[in-house]
Amino acid sequence: MDRFLSGHASCPGCAVALAVRFVLRSVPPDAVVVVAPSCVAIMMGPMPLSSVTVPVFHTAFETTAAAASGLARAYRARGEQATVVCLAGDGGTYDIGLQALSGAAERNEDFIYVCFDNEAYQNTGNQKSSATPWGARTGSTPGGKRNRKKEIMEIIAAHRIPYAATASPAHPDDLVAKVQRASGMRGTRFLLITCPCVPGWGIADDASLRVLRLGVESRAVPLYEIEDGTRYRITHQPAGIPVAEYLRPQARFAHLSDADVAAIQADVDLRWEALQERVGRRAHGREPVREESRV
């Protein structure tokens, strides 16, 4: 059942809009949505109009997880059932909202947090965030960003929450399965969904999913899940194509030299090896002791 209606204000070809549709289609009927300032907030529609059929609570940039914590506790205190779902961008997750998210994850608050990662502050004109990858050109890094993207999944995993996963709207079956799995759990659950931005990434209106598939197959955007912060599982085995095939269609990387692309390839290879090592801990019986749930 679609809970995200036509007539919203996203850009043509927006991957975030597609991802929002998949998420809202996959959560339980009792979902209540908390939205941070972002492209998603624009899509939800201005009062008194709405592009969704579920209750929406708009909150400040830095308070998404705090507002969700309060809502979940309020419903529980009233004896009512509700699945609280946060919809936020990378700026409101990696940067401005990280303190509240970390505090909520430490307490294992009962909500699903979804970050739609388009790797910059796209809603305000494509300024870099800490989710912006090395080398990407943005409005505030015209020569290309000179430091790495923050490893948000490792930060989240360090909190030992019940479930965290990466996903892609170009792989809808995998995305839907992860949302449904998270919906069947309690405690803090985190989904990181990579979503190309048509104007910010400098791609054609019809290229979002094609470019994202290249990202997944090049291992630049790996798809995996983490249980209790310790047990890793890769959910899609990528082909291992050169990362240049992912970078070259994007205008934000057009200025990179061959040496720059080689440096990015080396970093992608290193991160993939580290992910495989984490997966291997479980396969070889070296899994850390599981913590009991705090909910």
C-alpha atoms as a PDB file:
ATOM      1  CA  MET A   1       0.000   0.000   0.000  1.00  0.00           C
ATOM      2  CA  ASP A   2       1.398   3.385  -1.014  1.00  0.00           C
ATOM      3  CA  ARG A   3       1.475   5.922   1.800  1.00  0.00           C
ATOM      4  CA  PHE A   4       3.465   8.449  -0.281  1.00  0.00           C
ATOM      5  CA  LEU A   5       1.180  10.203  -2.731  1.00  0.00           C
ATOM      6  CA  SER A   6       1.750  11.845  -6.098  1.00  0.00           C
ATOM      7  CA  GLY A   7       2.033  15.601  -6.355  1.00  0.00           C
ATOM      8  CA  HIS A   8       4.960  16.040  -3.965  1.00  0.00           C
ATOM      9  CA  ALA A   9       7.681  18.595  -4.657  1.00  0.00           C
ATOM     10  CA  SER A  10      10.754  16.465  -5.342  1.00  0.00           C
ATOM     11  CA  CYS A  11      12.961  16.995  -8.388  1.00  0.00           C
ATOM     12  CA  PRO A  12      12.365  14.831 -11.478  1.00  0.00           C
ATOM     13  CA  GLY A  13      14.287  11.584 -11.093  1.00  0.00           C
ATOM     14  CA  CYS A  14      14.838  12.053  -7.350  1.00  0.00           C
ATOM     15  CA  ALA A  15      16.109   8.852  -5.714  1.00  0.00           C
ATOM     16  CA  VAL A  16      15.152  10.105  -2.252  1.00  0.00           C
ATOM     17  CA  ALA A  17      11.492  10.263  -3.278  1.00  0.00           C
ATOM     18  CA  LEU A  18      11.649   6.669  -4.506  1.00  0.00           C
ATOM     19  CA  ALA A  19      13.366   5.539  -1.311  1.00  0.00           C
ATOM     20  CA  VAL A  20      10.755   7.318   0.833  1.00  0.00           C
ATOM     21  CA  ARG A  21       8.047   5.482  -1.115  1.00  0.00           C
ATOM     22  CA  PHE A  22       9.694   2.094  -0.455  1.00  0.00           C
ATOM     23  CA  VAL A  23      10.207   2.842   3.251  1.00  0.00           C
ATOM     24  CA  LEU A  24       6.644   4.035   3.877  1.00  0.00           C
ATOM     25  CA  ARG A  25       5.254   1.108   1.896  1.00  0.00           C
ATOM     26  CA  SER A  26       7.220  -1.317   4.100  1.00  0.00           C
ATOM     27  CA  VAL A  27       6.628  -0.027   7.636  1.00  0.00           C
ATOM     28  CA  PRO A  28       3.614  -1.177   9.693  1.00  0.00           C
ATOM     29  CA  PRO A  29       0.238   0.593   9.379  1.00  0.00           C
ATOM     30  CA  ASP A  30       0.714   2.226  12.800  1.00  0.00           C
ATOM     31  CA  ALA A  31       3.732   4.229  11.601  1.00  0.00           C
ATOM     32  CA  VAL A  32       4.239   7.777  12.875  1.00  0.00           C
ATOM     33  CA  VAL A  33       6.900   9.766  11.005  1.00  0.00           C
ATOM     34  CA  VAL A  34       9.358  12.291  12.453  1.00  0.00           C
ATOM     35  CA  VAL A  35      10.937  14.512   9.779  1.00  0.00           C
ATOM     36  CA  ALA A  36      13.957  16.797  10.031  1.00  0.00           C
ATOM     37  CA  PRO A  37      14.454  19.856   7.789  1.00  0.00           C
ATOM     38  CA  SER A  38      15.558  18.297   4.493  1.00  0.00           C
ATOM     39  CA  CYS A  39      14.369  17.468   0.997  1.00  0.00           C
ATOM     40  CA  VAL A  40      12.067  14.947   2.703  1.00  0.00           C
ATOM     41  CA  ALA A  41      10.415  17.727   4.705  1.00  0.00           C
ATOM     42  CA  ILE A  42       9.641  19.553   1.453  1.00  0.00           C
ATOM     43  CA  MET A  43       8.181  16.356  -0.010  1.00  0.00           C
ATOM     44  CA  MET A  44       5.879  15.899   2.968  1.00  0.00           C
ATOM     45  CA  GLY A  45       4.024  19.035   1.915  1.00  0.00           C
ATOM     46  CA  PRO A  46       3.271  22.400   3.571  1.00  0.00           C
ATOM     47  CA  MET A  47       0.518  22.694   6.177  1.00  0.00           C
ATOM     48  CA  PRO A  48      -2.371  21.997   5.849  1.00  0.00           C
ATOM     49  CA  LEU A  49      -1.486  19.794   2.851  1.00  0.00           C
ATOM     50  CA  SER A  50       0.373  16.497   2.995  1.00  0.00           C
ATOM     51  CA  SER A  51       1.872  14.048   0.529  1.00  0.00           C
ATOM     52  CA  VAL A  52       1.642  11.113   2.941  1.00  0.00           C
ATOM     53  CA  THR A  53      -1.201   9.244   4.634  1.00  0.00           C
ATOM     54  CA  VAL A  54       0.561   8.744   7.990  1.00  0.00           C
ATOM     55  CA  PRO A  55       0.959  11.250  10.855  1.00  0.00           C
ATOM     56  CA  VAL A  56       4.014  13.497  10.408  1.00  0.00           C
ATOM     57  CA  PHE A  57       5.837  15.395  13.151  1.00  0.00           C
ATOM     58  CA  HIS A  58       8.181  18.091  11.833  1.00  0.00           C
ATOM     59  CA  THR A  59      11.026  18.863  14.211  1.00  0.00           C
ATOM     60  CA  ALA A  60      14.214  20.931  14.300  1.00  0.00           C
ATOM     61  CA  PHE A  61      17.363  19.887  12.451  1.00  0.00           C
ATOM     62  CA  GLU A  62      19.202  18.708  15.550  1.00  0.00           C
ATOM     63  CA  THR A  63      16.324  17.039  17.405  1.00  0.00           C
ATOM     64  CA  THR A  64      15.025  14.243  15.176  1.00  0.00           C
ATOM     65  CA  ALA A  65      16.129  11.381  17.438  1.00  0.00           C
ATOM     66  CA  ALA A  66      15.164  13.291  20.594  1.00  0.00           C
ATOM     67  CA  ALA A  67      11.658  13.969  19.255  1.00  0.00           C
ATOM     68  CA  ALA A  68      11.305  10.330  18.198  1.00  0.00           C
ATOM     69  CA  SER A  69      12.418   9.185  21.647  1.00  0.00           C
ATOM     70  CA  GLY A  70       9.731  11.317  23.277  1.00  0.00           C
ATOM     71  CA  LEU A  71       7.015  10.154  20.896  1.00  0.00           C
ATOM     72  CA  ALA A  72       7.865   6.477  21.368  1.00  0.00           C
ATOM     73  CA  ARG A  73       7.844   6.844  25.156  1.00  0.00           C
ATOM     74  CA  ALA A  74       4.590   8.824  25.078  1.00  0.00           C
ATOM     75  CA  TYR A  75       2.790   6.172  23.048  1.00  0.00           C
ATOM     76  CA  ARG A  76       4.134   3.469  25.366  1.00  0.00           C
ATOM     77  CA  ALA A  77       3.004   5.396  28.466  1.00  0.00           C
ATOM     78  CA  ARG A  78      -0.490   5.679  26.988  1.00  0.00           C
ATOM     79  CA  GLY A  79      -0.568   1.970  26.248  1.00  0.00           C
ATOM     80  CA  GLU A  80      -0.832   2.623  22.523  1.00  0.00           C
ATOM     81  CA  GLN A  81       1.068   0.881  19.740  1.00  0.00           C
ATOM     82  CA  ALA A  82       3.001   3.025  17.243  1.00  0.00           C
ATOM     83  CA  THR A  83       6.051   2.456  15.067  1.00  0.00           C
ATOM     84  CA  VAL A  84       8.026   5.694  15.212  1.00  0.00           C
ATOM     85  CA  VAL A  85      10.074   6.259  12.054  1.00  0.00           C
ATOM     86  CA  CYS A  86      12.604   9.078  11.581  1.00  0.00           C
ATOM     87  CA  LEU A  87      13.235  10.380   8.063  1.00  0.00           C
ATOM     88  CA  ALA A  88      16.347  12.560   7.862  1.00  0.00           C
ATOM     89  CA  GLY A  89      19.106  13.533   5.456  1.00  0.00           C
ATOM     90  CA  ASP A  90      22.836  13.185   5.855  1.00  0.00           C
ATOM     91  CA  GLY A  91      23.273  16.734   7.152  1.00  0.00           C
ATOM     92  CA  GLY A  92      20.736  16.100   9.898  1.00  0.00           C
ATOM     93  CA  THR A  93      22.301  12.736  10.722  1.00  0.00           C
ATOM     94  CA  TYR A  94      26.077  12.819  10.217  1.00  0.00           C
ATOM     95  CA  ASP A  95      26.364  16.425  11.423  1.00  0.00           C
ATOM     96  CA  ILE A  96      23.672  18.473  13.124  1.00  0.00           C
ATOM     97  CA  GLY A  97      21.624  15.621  14.583  1.00  0.00           C
ATOM     98  CA  LEU A  98      24.445  13.259  15.575  1.00  0.00           C
ATOM     99  CA  GLN A  99      24.447  14.213  19.265  1.00  0.00           C
ATOM    100  CA  ALA A 100      20.749  13.421  19.722  1.00  0.00           C
ATOM    101  CA  LEU A 101      21.059  10.242  17.652  1.00  0.00           C
ATOM    102  CA  SER A 102      24.024   9.030  19.688  1.00  0.00           C
ATOM    103  CA  GLY A 103      22.210   9.693  22.953  1.00  0.00           C
ATOM    104  CA  ALA A 104      19.104   7.864  21.765  1.00  0.00           C
ATOM    105  CA  ALA A 105      21.153   4.921  20.479  1.00  0.00           C
ATOM    106  CA  GLU A 106      23.026   4.694  23.788  1.00  0.00           C
ATOM    107  CA  ARG A 107      19.655   4.436  25.569  1.00  0.00           C
ATOM    108  CA  ASN A 108      18.375   2.028  22.871  1.00  0.00           C
ATOM    109  CA  GLU A 109      15.243   4.114  22.309  1.00  0.00           C
ATOM    110  CA  ASP A 110      12.501   2.351  20.376  1.00  0.00           C
ATOM    111  CA  PHE A 111      12.377   3.801  16.848  1.00  0.00           C
ATOM    112  CA  ILE A 112      13.562   3.242  13.278  1.00  0.00           C
ATOM    113  CA  TYR A 113      15.937   5.948  12.062  1.00  0.00           C
ATOM    114  CA  VAL A 114      16.293   6.281   8.277  1.00  0.00           C
ATOM    115  CA  CYS A 115      19.031   8.475   6.805  1.00  0.00           C
ATOM    116  CA  PHE A 116      18.656   9.321   3.116  1.00  0.00           C
ATOM    117  CA  ASP A 117      22.270   9.998   2.201  1.00  0.00           C
ATOM    118  CA  ASN A 118      22.730  12.171  -0.899  1.00  0.00           C
ATOM    119  CA  GLU A 119      26.169  13.176   0.380  1.00  0.00           C
ATOM    120  CA  ALA A 120      25.677  16.935   0.815  1.00  0.00           C
ATOM    121  CA  TYR A 121      23.284  19.605   2.049  1.00  0.00           C
ATOM    122  CA  GLN A 122      21.333  19.419  -1.207  1.00  0.00           C
ATOM    123  CA  ASN A 123      18.149  21.151  -0.037  1.00  0.00           C
ATOM    124  CA  THR A 124      20.059  24.404   0.543  1.00  0.00           C
ATOM    125  CA  GLY A 125      22.191  24.404  -2.593  1.00  0.00           C
ATOM    126  CA  ASN A 126      24.691  21.529  -2.442  1.00  0.00           C
ATOM    127  CA  GLN A 127      27.057  22.437   0.388  1.00  0.00           C
ATOM    128  CA  LYS A 128      29.374  19.721   1.672  1.00  0.00           C
ATOM    129  CA  SER A 129      28.478  17.664   4.741  1.00  0.00           C
ATOM    130  CA  SER A 130      30.627  15.147   6.563  1.00  0.00           C
ATOM    131  CA  ALA A 131      28.883  12.558   4.352  1.00  0.00           C
ATOM    132  CA  THR A 132      30.440  14.139   1.239  1.00  0.00           C
ATOM    133  CA  PRO A 133      33.149  11.842  -0.158  1.00  0.00           C
ATOM    134  CA  TRP A 134      36.728  12.866  -0.795  1.00  0.00           C
ATOM    135  CA  GLY A 135      37.173  14.730  -4.064  1.00  0.00           C
ATOM    136  CA  ALA A 136      33.524  15.659  -4.605  1.00  0.00           C
ATOM    137  CA  ARG A 137      32.883  19.190  -5.820  1.00  0.00           C
ATOM    138  CA  THR A 138      30.136  21.070  -3.956  1.00  0.00           C
ATOM    139  CA  GLY A 139      29.115  24.692  -3.565  1.00  0.00           C
ATOM    140  CA  SER A 140      31.380  24.990  -0.522  1.00  0.00           C
ATOM    141  CA  THR A 141      34.190  22.777  -1.895  1.00  0.00           C
ATOM    142  CA  PRO A 142      34.559  24.058  -5.486  1.00  0.00           C
ATOM    143  CA  GLY A 143      37.966  22.411  -5.832  1.00  0.00           C
ATOM    144  CA  GLY A 144      36.757  19.118  -4.380  1.00  0.00           C
ATOM    145  CA  LYS A 145      36.470  18.048  -0.758  1.00  0.00           C
ATOM    146  CA  ARG A 146      39.856  17.215   0.751  1.00  0.00           C
ATOM    147  CA  ASN A 147      38.920  14.881   3.587  1.00  0.00           C
ATOM    148  CA  ARG A 148      37.145  11.537   3.779  1.00  0.00           C
ATOM    149  CA  LYS A 149      33.493  10.772   4.303  1.00  0.00           C
ATOM    150  CA  LYS A 150      32.569  10.059   7.920  1.00  0.00           C
ATOM    151  CA  GLU A 151      32.113   6.349   8.722  1.00  0.00           C
ATOM    152  CA  ILE A 152      28.619   6.734  10.166  1.00  0.00           C
ATOM    153  CA  MET A 153      27.877   3.001  10.133  1.00  0.00           C
ATOM    154  CA  GLU A 154      30.878   2.295  12.360  1.00  0.00           C
ATOM    155  CA  ILE A 155      29.813   5.071  14.731  1.00  0.00           C
ATOM    156  CA  ILE A 156      26.319   3.579  14.914  1.00  0.00           C
ATOM    157  CA  ALA A 157      27.661   0.026  15.301  1.00  0.00           C
ATOM    158  CA  ALA A 158      29.760   1.154  18.267  1.00  0.00           C
ATOM    159  CA  HIS A 159      26.505   1.822  20.143  1.00  0.00           C
ATOM    160  CA  ARG A 160      25.618  -1.892  19.854  1.00  0.00           C
ATOM    161  CA  ILE A 161      22.053  -1.189  18.722  1.00  0.00           C
ATOM    162  CA  PRO A 162      19.934  -4.201  17.664  1.00  0.00           C
ATOM    163  CA  TYR A 163      20.028  -3.544  13.931  1.00  0.00           C
ATOM    164  CA  ALA A 164      21.708  -1.316  11.350  1.00  0.00           C
ATOM    165  CA  ALA A 165      21.875  -1.691   7.593  1.00  0.00           C
ATOM    166  CA  THR A 166      22.825   0.048   4.374  1.00  0.00           C
ATOM    167  CA  ALA A 167      20.395   0.041   1.461  1.00  0.00           C
ATOM    168  CA  SER A 168      19.740   1.396  -2.020  1.00  0.00           C
ATOM    169  CA  PRO A 169      16.548   2.279  -3.920  1.00  0.00           C
ATOM    170  CA  ALA A 170      18.216   0.691  -6.955  1.00  0.00           C
ATOM    171  CA  HIS A 171      17.969  -2.631  -5.065  1.00  0.00           C
ATOM    172  CA  PRO A 172      14.344  -2.445  -3.867  1.00  0.00           C
ATOM    173  CA  ASP A 173      13.947  -6.053  -2.711  1.00  0.00           C
ATOM    174  CA  ASP A 174      16.964  -5.710  -0.436  1.00  0.00           C
ATOM    175  CA  LEU A 175      15.749  -2.321   0.859  1.00  0.00           C
ATOM    176  CA  VAL A 176      12.206  -3.523   1.574  1.00  0.00           C
ATOM    177  CA  ALA A 177      13.458  -6.663   3.324  1.00  0.00           C
ATOM    178  CA  LYS A 178      15.651  -4.558   5.614  1.00  0.00           C
ATOM    179  CA  VAL A 179      12.843  -2.148   6.483  1.00  0.00           C
ATOM    180  CA  GLN A 180      10.546  -5.054   7.255  1.00  0.00           C
ATOM    181  CA  ARG A 181      13.206  -6.752   9.357  1.00  0.00           C
ATOM    182  CA  ALA A 182      13.826  -3.555  11.318  1.00  0.00           C
ATOM    183  CA  SER A 183      10.051  -3.167  11.800  1.00  0.00           C
ATOM    184  CA  GLY A 184       9.905  -6.544  13.533  1.00  0.00           C
ATOM    185  CA  MET A 185      12.435  -5.551  16.198  1.00  0.00           C
ATOM    186  CA  ARG A 186      12.465  -3.301  19.239  1.00  0.00           C
ATOM    187  CA  GLY A 187      15.048  -0.719  20.229  1.00  0.00           C
ATOM    188  CA  THR A 188      17.033   1.637  18.024  1.00  0.00           C
ATOM    189  CA  ARG A 189      17.236   0.532  14.410  1.00  0.00           C
ATOM    190  CA  PHE A 190      19.205   2.477  11.789  1.00  0.00           C
ATOM    191  CA  LEU A 191      19.011   2.404   7.988  1.00  0.00           C
ATOM    192  CA  LEU A 192      21.452   4.282   5.758  1.00  0.00           C
ATOM    193  CA  ILE A 193      20.008   4.616   2.241  1.00  0.00           C
ATOM    194  CA  THR A 194      22.311   6.093  -0.402  1.00  0.00           C
ATOM    195  CA  CYS A 195      20.297   8.295  -2.777  1.00  0.00           C
ATOM    196  CA  PRO A 196      21.866  10.171  -5.718  1.00  0.00           C
ATOM    197  CA  CYS A 197      20.842  13.832  -6.055  1.00  0.00           C
ATOM    198  CA  VAL A 198      20.235  14.767  -9.693  1.00  0.00           C
ATOM    199  CA  PRO A 199      21.413  18.433  -9.548  1.00  0.00           C
ATOM    200  CA  GLY A 200      23.940  17.938  -6.745  1.00  0.00           C
ATOM    201  CA  TRP A 201      25.685  14.977  -8.331  1.00  0.00           C
ATOM    202  CA  GLY A 202      25.381  16.415 -11.848  1.00  0.00           C
ATOM    203  CA  ILE A 203      23.583  13.498 -13.466  1.00  0.00           C
ATOM    204  CA  ALA A 204      20.668  13.190 -15.881  1.00  0.00           C
ATOM    205  CA  ASP A 205      17.086  13.021 -14.628  1.00  0.00           C
ATOM    206  CA  ASP A 206      16.866   9.355 -15.584  1.00  0.00           C
ATOM    207  CA  ALA A 207      20.312   8.319 -14.303  1.00  0.00           C
ATOM    208  CA  SER A 208      19.881   8.047 -10.511  1.00  0.00           C
ATOM    209  CA  LEU A 209      19.332   4.298 -10.278  1.00  0.00           C
ATOM    210  CA  ARG A 210      21.814   3.494 -13.028  1.00  0.00           C
ATOM    211  CA  VAL A 211      24.563   5.485 -11.287  1.00  0.00           C
ATOM    212  CA  LEU A 212      23.684   3.972  -7.916  1.00  0.00           C
ATOM    213  CA  ARG A 213      23.942   0.439  -9.312  1.00  0.00           C
ATOM    214  CA  LEU A 214      27.451   1.323 -10.487  1.00  0.00           C
ATOM    215  CA  GLY A 215      28.235   2.514  -6.968  1.00  0.00           C
ATOM    216  CA  VAL A 216      27.066  -0.761  -5.472  1.00  0.00           C
ATOM    217  CA  GLU A 217      28.857  -2.951  -8.035  1.00  0.00           C
ATOM    218  CA  SER A 218      32.103  -0.982  -7.608  1.00  0.00           C
ATOM    219  CA  ARG A 219      31.945  -1.571  -3.814  1.00  0.00           C
ATOM    220  CA  ALA A 220      31.856   2.183  -3.180  1.00  0.00           C
ATOM    221  CA  VAL A 221      28.312   1.706  -1.799  1.00  0.00           C
ATOM    222  CA  PRO A 222      28.323  -1.742  -0.159  1.00  0.00           C
ATOM    223  CA  LEU A 223      25.041  -3.303   0.984  1.00  0.00           C
ATOM    224  CA  TYR A 224      25.217  -5.031   4.355  1.00  0.00           C
ATOM    225  CA  GLU A 225      23.581  -5.299   7.762  1.00  0.00           C
ATOM    226  CA  ILE A 226      24.822  -5.359  11.352  1.00  0.00           C
ATOM    227  CA  GLU A 227      23.149  -7.039  14.305  1.00  0.00           C
ATOM    228  CA  ASP A 228      23.938  -5.856  17.848  1.00  0.00           C
ATOM    229  CA  GLY A 229      26.865  -3.857  16.515  1.00  0.00           C
ATOM    230  CA  THR A 230      28.997  -6.968  16.056  1.00  0.00           C
ATOM    231  CA  ARG A 231      27.543  -9.384  13.514  1.00  0.00           C
ATOM    232  CA  TYR A 232      28.040  -8.217   9.938  1.00  0.00           C
ATOM    233  CA  ARG A 233      26.483  -9.759   6.822  1.00  0.00           C
ATOM    234  CA  ILE A 234      26.901  -8.629   3.216  1.00  0.00           C
ATOM    235  CA  THR A 235      23.484  -8.759   1.521  1.00  0.00           C
ATOM    236  CA  HIS A 236      24.615  -8.204  -2.072  1.00  0.00           C
ATOM    237  CA  GLN A 237      27.889  -9.481  -3.502  1.00  0.00           C
ATOM    238  CA  PRO A 238      29.158  -6.766  -5.873  1.00  0.00           C
ATOM    239  CA  ALA A 239      30.863  -7.467  -9.178  1.00  0.00           C
ATOM    240  CA  GLY A 240      33.917  -5.397  -8.231  1.00  0.00           C
ATOM    241  CA  ILE A 241      33.923  -3.120 -11.292  1.00  0.00           C
ATOM    242  CA  PRO A 242      36.414  -0.206 -11.319  1.00  0.00           C
ATOM    243  CA  VAL A 243      35.237   2.704  -9.210  1.00  0.00           C
ATOM    244  CA  ALA A 244      35.956   4.992 -12.184  1.00  0.00           C
ATOM    245  CA  GLU A 245      32.803   3.615 -13.837  1.00  0.00           C
ATOM    246  CA  TYR A 246      30.823   5.027 -10.891  1.00  0.00           C
ATOM    247  CA  LEU A 247      32.650   8.357 -10.688  1.00  0.00           C
ATOM    248  CA  ARG A 248      32.839   9.379 -14.348  1.00  0.00           C
ATOM    249  CA  PRO A 249      29.073   9.865 -14.997  1.00  0.00           C
ATOM    250  CA  GLN A 250      28.918  12.399 -12.142  1.00  0.00           C
ATOM    251  CA  ALA A 251      29.782  16.051 -12.835  1.00  0.00           C
ATOM    252  CA  ARG A 252      30.865  16.505  -9.199  1.00  0.00           C
ATOM    253  CA  PHE A 253      33.880  14.257  -9.934  1.00  0.00           C
ATOM    254  CA  ALA A 254      34.658  15.529 -13.452  1.00  0.00           C
ATOM    255  CA  HIS A 255      37.693  17.500 -12.283  1.00  0.00           C
ATOM    256  CA  LEU A 256      39.498  14.510 -10.780  1.00  0.00           C
ATOM    257  CA  SER A 257      42.768  13.348 -12.275  1.00  0.00           C
ATOM    258  CA  ASP A 258      43.613   9.723 -12.964  1.00  0.00           C
ATOM    259  CA  ALA A 259      45.755   9.793  -9.810  1.00  0.00           C
ATOM    260  CA  ASP A 260      42.776  11.047  -7.801  1.00  0.00           C
ATOM    261  CA  VAL A 261      40.586   8.230  -9.134  1.00  0.00           C
ATOM    262  CA  ALA A 262      43.322   5.715  -8.295  1.00  0.00           C
ATOM    263  CA  ALA A 263      43.455   7.073  -4.727  1.00  0.00           C
ATOM    264  CA  ILE A 264      39.683   6.680  -4.400  1.00  0.00           C
ATOM    265  CA  GLN A 265      39.944   3.133  -5.776  1.00  0.00           C
ATOM    266  CA  ALA A 266      42.571   2.293  -3.159  1.00  0.00           C
ATOM    267  CA  ASP A 267      40.345   3.652  -0.392  1.00  0.00           C
ATOM    268  CA  VAL A 268      37.319   1.709  -1.672  1.00  0.00           C
ATOM    269  CA  ASP A 269      39.415  -1.470  -1.755  1.00  0.00           C
ATOM    270  CA  LEU A 270      40.644  -0.851   1.789  1.00  0.00           C
ATOM    271  CA  ARG A 271      37.134  -0.288   3.155  1.00  0.00           C
ATOM    272  CA  TRP A 272      35.837  -3.383   1.356  1.00  0.00           C
ATOM    273  CA  GLU A 273      38.613  -5.491   2.892  1.00  0.00           C
ATOM    274  CA  ALA A 274      37.759  -4.104   6.326  1.00  0.00           C
ATOM    275  CA  LEU A 275      34.076  -4.983   5.802  1.00  0.00           C
ATOM    276  CA  GLN A 276      34.998  -8.516   4.751  1.00  0.00           C
ATOM    277  CA  GLU A 277      37.151  -8.845   7.859  1.00  0.00           C
ATOM    278  CA  ARG A 278      34.206  -7.875  10.052  1.00  0.00           C
ATOM    279  CA  VAL A 279      31.998 -10.394   8.277  1.00  0.00           C
ATOM    280  CA  GLY A 280      34.716 -13.012   8.736  1.00  0.00           C
ATOM    281  CA  ARG A 281      34.713 -12.633  12.514  1.00  0.00           C
ATOM    282  CA  ARG A 282      31.308 -14.306  12.595  1.00  0.00           C
ATOM    283  CA  ALA A 283      32.229 -16.952  10.030  1.00  0.00           C
ATOM    284  CA  HIS A 284      35.315 -18.002  11.995  1.00  0.00           C
ATOM    285  CA  GLY A 285      33.708 -18.004  15.421  1.00  0.00           C
ATOM    286  CA  ARG A 286      35.409 -14.809  16.601  1.00  0.00           C
ATOM    287  CA  GLU A 287      32.165 -12.961  17.254  1.00  0.00           C
ATOM    288  CA  PRO A 288      32.206 -10.684  20.336  1.00  0.00           C
ATOM    289  CA  VAL A 289      29.870 -11.487  23.207  1.00  0.00           C
ATOM    290  CA  ARG A 290      26.349 -10.169  22.586  1.00  0.00           C
ATOM    291  CA  GLU A 291      24.957  -7.569  24.942  1.00  0.00           C
ATOM    292  CA  GLU A 292      21.467  -7.987  26.347  1.00  0.00           C
ATOM    293  CA  SER A 293      18.809  -5.661  24.940  1.00  0.00           C
ATOM    294  CA  ARG A 294      18.235  -2.564  27.047  1.00  0.00           C
ATOM    295  CA  VAL A 295      14.561  -2.184  26.083  1.00  0.00           C
END
